[in-house]
Amino acid sequence: MSATQSFWSVPLREGEPPYWVCMSCLSEVFYCKVPMPDCPTCQGVSTYEAFTLEAIHDWGTEDLIAKAAVAQQAASHEPAPAASVKSTD
């Protein structure tokens, strides 16, 4: 049986970093979302902090940097939520 991971989306606001790193294990990073209910690696709860990709390059491991790149690419391939269009006829 395979478990599906669920996520809380984190809106990308101007001036705020888009990458969320688990500060408990420092081995998980997500782009504009955080897993629920906990970190898939260490099961930490509410342990995420936001960072820029440049900051992750400064202190992250090669594995964490690679995960950040994959997370951003995956997010750019996800379909955008459908916007409701209101007719003004």
C-alpha atoms as a PDB file:
ATOM      1  CA  MET A   1       0.000   0.000   0.000  1.00  0.00           C
ATOM      2  CA  SER A   2       1.451   3.396  -0.970  1.00  0.00           C
ATOM      3  CA  ALA A   3       0.821   6.463   1.136  1.00  0.00           C
ATOM      4  CA  THR A   4       0.168   9.802  -0.524  1.00  0.00           C
ATOM      5  CA  GLN A   5       1.789  12.866   1.002  1.00  0.00           C
ATOM      6  CA  SER A   6      -0.491  15.852   1.591  1.00  0.00           C
ATOM      7  CA  PHE A   7       0.705  19.449   1.703  1.00  0.00           C
ATOM      8  CA  TRP A   8      -0.302  22.840   3.021  1.00  0.00           C
ATOM      9  CA  SER A   9       0.246  25.422   0.308  1.00  0.00           C
ATOM     10  CA  VAL A  10       2.178  28.528   1.303  1.00  0.00           C
ATOM     11  CA  PRO A  11       1.315  31.520  -0.886  1.00  0.00           C
ATOM     12  CA  LEU A  12       4.341  33.176  -2.419  1.00  0.00           C
ATOM     13  CA  ARG A  13       4.321  36.768  -1.240  1.00  0.00           C
ATOM     14  CA  GLU A  14       6.544  39.488  -2.634  1.00  0.00           C
ATOM     15  CA  GLY A  15       9.807  39.724  -0.724  1.00  0.00           C
ATOM     16  CA  GLU A  16       9.365  36.406   1.119  1.00  0.00           C
ATOM     17  CA  PRO A  17      11.540  33.354   0.399  1.00  0.00           C
ATOM     18  CA  PRO A  18       9.744  30.509  -1.417  1.00  0.00           C
ATOM     19  CA  TYR A  19      11.703  27.500  -0.077  1.00  0.00           C
ATOM     20  CA  TRP A  20      10.665  25.836   3.197  1.00  0.00           C
ATOM     21  CA  VAL A  21      13.354  23.778   4.943  1.00  0.00           C
ATOM     22  CA  CYS A  22      12.786  21.420   7.878  1.00  0.00           C
ATOM     23  CA  MET A  23      14.952  22.850  10.633  1.00  0.00           C
ATOM     24  CA  SER A  24      14.749  19.640  12.616  1.00  0.00           C
ATOM     25  CA  CYS A  25      16.623  17.429  10.145  1.00  0.00           C
ATOM     26  CA  LEU A  26      17.846  19.966   7.537  1.00  0.00           C
ATOM     27  CA  SER A  27      17.300  17.364   4.826  1.00  0.00           C
ATOM     28  CA  GLU A  28      13.868  18.244   3.424  1.00  0.00           C
ATOM     29  CA  VAL A  29      12.963  21.308   1.359  1.00  0.00           C
ATOM     30  CA  PHE A  30       9.733  22.237  -0.383  1.00  0.00           C
ATOM     31  CA  TYR A  31       8.765  25.054  -2.747  1.00  0.00           C
ATOM     32  CA  CYS A  32       5.731  27.121  -1.662  1.00  0.00           C
ATOM     33  CA  LYS A  33       4.311  24.265   0.424  1.00  0.00           C
ATOM     34  CA  VAL A  34       4.961  22.242   3.567  1.00  0.00           C
ATOM     35  CA  PRO A  35       3.965  18.634   4.203  1.00  0.00           C
ATOM     36  CA  MET A  36       1.173  17.754   6.582  1.00  0.00           C
ATOM     37  CA  PRO A  37       1.107  16.557   9.214  1.00  0.00           C
ATOM     38  CA  ASP A  38       4.888  16.233   9.614  1.00  0.00           C
ATOM     39  CA  CYS A  39       8.308  16.033   7.961  1.00  0.00           C
ATOM     40  CA  PRO A  40       8.605  12.838   5.888  1.00  0.00           C
ATOM     41  CA  THR A  41      12.196  12.292   7.084  1.00  0.00           C
ATOM     42  CA  CYS A  42      12.224  13.129  10.807  1.00  0.00           C
ATOM     43  CA  GLN A  43       8.483  13.483  11.577  1.00  0.00           C
ATOM     44  CA  GLY A  44       9.108  16.996  12.936  1.00  0.00           C
ATOM     45  CA  VAL A  45       5.947  19.073  13.285  1.00  0.00           C
ATOM     46  CA  SER A  46       5.934  22.821  12.568  1.00  0.00           C
ATOM     47  CA  THR A  47       9.687  22.823  12.056  1.00  0.00           C
ATOM     48  CA  TYR A  48       9.841  24.656   8.710  1.00  0.00           C
ATOM     49  CA  GLU A  49      11.487  27.997   8.019  1.00  0.00           C
ATOM     50  CA  ALA A  50      11.586  29.943   4.758  1.00  0.00           C
ATOM     51  CA  PHE A  51      14.798  30.502   2.793  1.00  0.00           C
ATOM     52  CA  THR A  52      15.880  31.754  -0.599  1.00  0.00           C
ATOM     53  CA  LEU A  53      17.668  29.403  -2.971  1.00  0.00           C
ATOM     54  CA  GLU A  54      20.808  31.511  -2.539  1.00  0.00           C
ATOM     55  CA  ALA A  55      20.728  30.998   1.236  1.00  0.00           C
ATOM     56  CA  ILE A  56      20.305  27.240   0.784  1.00  0.00           C
ATOM     57  CA  HIS A  57      23.342  27.273  -1.545  1.00  0.00           C
ATOM     58  CA  ASP A  58      25.329  29.059   1.171  1.00  0.00           C
ATOM     59  CA  TRP A  59      24.800  26.516   3.945  1.00  0.00           C
ATOM     60  CA  GLY A  60      22.934  23.497   2.548  1.00  0.00           C
ATOM     61  CA  THR A  61      24.325  20.118   1.678  1.00  0.00           C
ATOM     62  CA  GLU A  62      24.562  19.095  -1.976  1.00  0.00           C
ATOM     63  CA  ASP A  63      21.574  16.806  -1.399  1.00  0.00           C
ATOM     64  CA  LEU A  64      19.451  19.640   0.033  1.00  0.00           C
ATOM     65  CA  ILE A  65      20.444  21.965  -2.835  1.00  0.00           C
ATOM     66  CA  ALA A  66      19.481  19.290  -5.369  1.00  0.00           C
ATOM     67  CA  LYS A  67      16.134  18.753  -3.600  1.00  0.00           C
ATOM     68  CA  ALA A  68      15.468  22.503  -3.741  1.00  0.00           C
ATOM     69  CA  ALA A  69      16.038  22.557  -7.509  1.00  0.00           C
ATOM     70  CA  VAL A  70      13.744  19.562  -8.001  1.00  0.00           C
ATOM     71  CA  ALA A  71      11.064  21.091  -5.754  1.00  0.00           C
ATOM     72  CA  GLN A  72      11.007  24.314  -7.765  1.00  0.00           C
ATOM     73  CA  GLN A  73      10.884  22.457 -11.089  1.00  0.00           C
ATOM     74  CA  ALA A  74       8.056  20.223  -9.866  1.00  0.00           C
ATOM     75  CA  ALA A  75       6.085  23.263  -8.717  1.00  0.00           C
ATOM     76  CA  SER A  76       6.455  24.910 -12.128  1.00  0.00           C
ATOM     77  CA  HIS A  77       4.974  21.793 -13.763  1.00  0.00           C
ATOM     78  CA  GLU A  78       1.944  21.566 -11.460  1.00  0.00           C
ATOM     79  CA  PRO A  79      -1.276  22.834 -13.021  1.00  0.00           C
ATOM     80  CA  ALA A  80      -2.405  26.215 -11.714  1.00  0.00           C
ATOM     81  CA  PRO A  81      -5.644  26.216  -9.736  1.00  0.00           C
ATOM     82  CA  ALA A  82      -8.634  27.090 -11.874  1.00  0.00           C
ATOM     83  CA  ALA A  83      -9.692  30.698 -11.441  1.00  0.00           C
ATOM     84  CA  SER A  84     -13.375  31.426 -11.404  1.00  0.00           C
ATOM     85  CA  VAL A  85     -14.413  33.732 -14.183  1.00  0.00           C
ATOM     86  CA  LYS A  86     -17.447  35.905 -13.671  1.00  0.00           C
ATOM     87  CA  SER A  87     -19.399  36.908 -16.749  1.00  0.00           C
ATOM     88  CA  THR A  88     -20.516  40.525 -16.952  1.00  0.00           C
ATOM     89  CA  ASP A  89     -23.238  39.966 -19.571  1.00  0.00           C
END
